[in-house]
């Protein structure tokens, strides 16, 4: 009888150890979630930097006439009356 109880307890302990390491809420799952949180945090940081750059460009477009002209000339290929524009295609 003692061996049966000891065997049963050993099986129960092994089961809980297995759940702790390999279960859906175990250590491996925790590590996976932590890696995902780190990856998302890095992506958020990249987006924050990009948003800051875009906000700066918006402020320049709203307030700096020279920057407005530069953007219009570069992106819309607009020219002044006395200019000739050459657009070369890249290969």
Protein backbone atom coordinates (compact mmCIF):
# COMPACT_ATOMS: atom_id res chain seq x y z
CA UNK A 1 0.00 0.00 0.00
CA UNK A 2 2.85 2.33 0.87
CA UNK A 3 4.45 1.73 -2.53
CA UNK A 4 1.18 2.49 -4.29
CA UNK A 5 0.83 5.84 -2.51
CA UNK A 6 4.50 6.67 -3.14
CA UNK A 7 4.09 5.79 -6.83
CA UNK A 8 0.93 7.87 -7.08
CA UNK A 9 2.63 10.86 -5.42
CA UNK A 10 5.60 10.49 -7.74
CA UNK A 11 3.30 10.52 -10.78
CA UNK A 12 1.45 13.59 -9.44
CA UNK A 13 4.73 15.41 -8.77
CA UNK A 14 6.05 14.54 -12.24
CA UNK A 15 2.82 15.78 -13.78
CA UNK A 16 3.07 19.15 -12.01
CA UNK A 17 6.76 19.48 -12.92
CA UNK A 18 5.86 18.77 -16.54
CA UNK A 19 3.08 21.41 -16.41
CA UNK A 20 5.47 23.93 -14.87
CA UNK A 21 7.95 23.58 -17.71
CA UNK A 22 5.95 22.58 -20.75
CA UNK A 23 2.33 23.45 -20.01
CA UNK A 24 0.41 26.24 -21.72
CA UNK A 25 1.12 28.50 -18.74
CA UNK A 26 4.54 27.13 -17.91
CA UNK A 27 8.04 28.49 -18.08
CA UNK A 28 8.42 28.00 -21.83
CA UNK A 29 5.19 29.85 -22.51
CA UNK A 30 6.32 32.64 -20.21
CA UNK A 31 9.60 32.98 -22.09
CA UNK A 32 7.76 33.07 -25.40
CA UNK A 33 5.47 35.84 -24.16
CA UNK A 34 8.43 37.79 -22.76
CA UNK A 35 10.23 37.60 -26.13
CA UNK A 36 7.08 38.81 -27.88
CA UNK A 37 6.78 41.71 -25.41
CA UNK A 38 10.41 42.67 -26.09
CA UNK A 39 9.86 42.51 -29.86
CA UNK A 40 6.74 44.67 -29.64
CA UNK A 41 8.55 47.13 -27.36
CA UNK A 42 11.36 47.51 -29.91
CA UNK A 43 8.82 48.00 -32.70
CA UNK A 44 7.04 50.65 -30.61
CA UNK A 45 10.33 52.47 -30.12
CA UNK A 46 10.96 52.46 -33.88
CA UNK A 47 7.46 53.81 -34.47
CA UNK A 48 8.00 56.51 -31.85
CA UNK A 49 11.16 57.71 -33.62
CA UNK A 50 9.38 57.65 -36.98
CA UNK A 51 6.46 59.62 -35.52
CA UNK A 52 8.86 62.23 -34.14
CA UNK A 53 10.47 62.64 -37.58
CA UNK A 54 7.09 62.97 -39.25
CA UNK A 55 5.93 65.50 -36.64
CA UNK A 56 9.05 67.55 -37.30
CA UNK A 57 8.39 67.45 -41.06
CA UNK A 58 4.78 68.52 -40.47
CA UNK A 59 5.90 71.49 -38.37
CA UNK A 60 8.39 72.48 -41.07
CA UNK A 61 5.74 72.20 -43.77
CA UNK A 62 3.40 74.38 -41.71
CA UNK A 63 5.92 77.07 -40.88
CA UNK A 64 8.97 77.09 -43.18
CA UNK A 65 8.34 78.42 -46.67
CA UNK A 66 11.76 77.33 -47.92
CA UNK A 67 11.10 73.77 -46.80
CA UNK A 68 7.66 73.86 -48.43
CA UNK A 69 9.24 74.93 -51.71
CA UNK A 70 11.91 72.24 -51.44
CA UNK A 71 9.29 69.52 -50.92
CA UNK A 72 7.05 70.78 -53.73
CA UNK A 73 9.95 71.01 -56.15
CA UNK A 74 11.35 67.60 -55.22
CA UNK A 75 8.13 65.58 -55.01
CA UNK A 76 5.91 67.31 -57.55
CA UNK A 77 8.69 68.31 -59.98
CA UNK A 78 7.49 71.89 -60.06
CA UNK A 79 9.78 74.54 -61.45
CA UNK A 80 10.02 78.28 -61.59
CA UNK A 81 9.36 80.18 -64.81
CA UNK A 82 13.02 80.52 -65.76
CA UNK A 83 14.06 76.91 -65.02
CA UNK A 84 14.29 73.71 -67.01
CA UNK A 85 13.81 70.40 -65.26
CA UNK A 86 15.61 67.25 -66.33
CA UNK A 87 14.21 64.02 -64.89
CA UNK A 88 16.37 60.95 -65.40
CA UNK A 89 14.94 57.49 -65.02
CA UNK A 90 16.92 55.09 -62.89
CA UNK A 91 17.77 51.67 -64.29
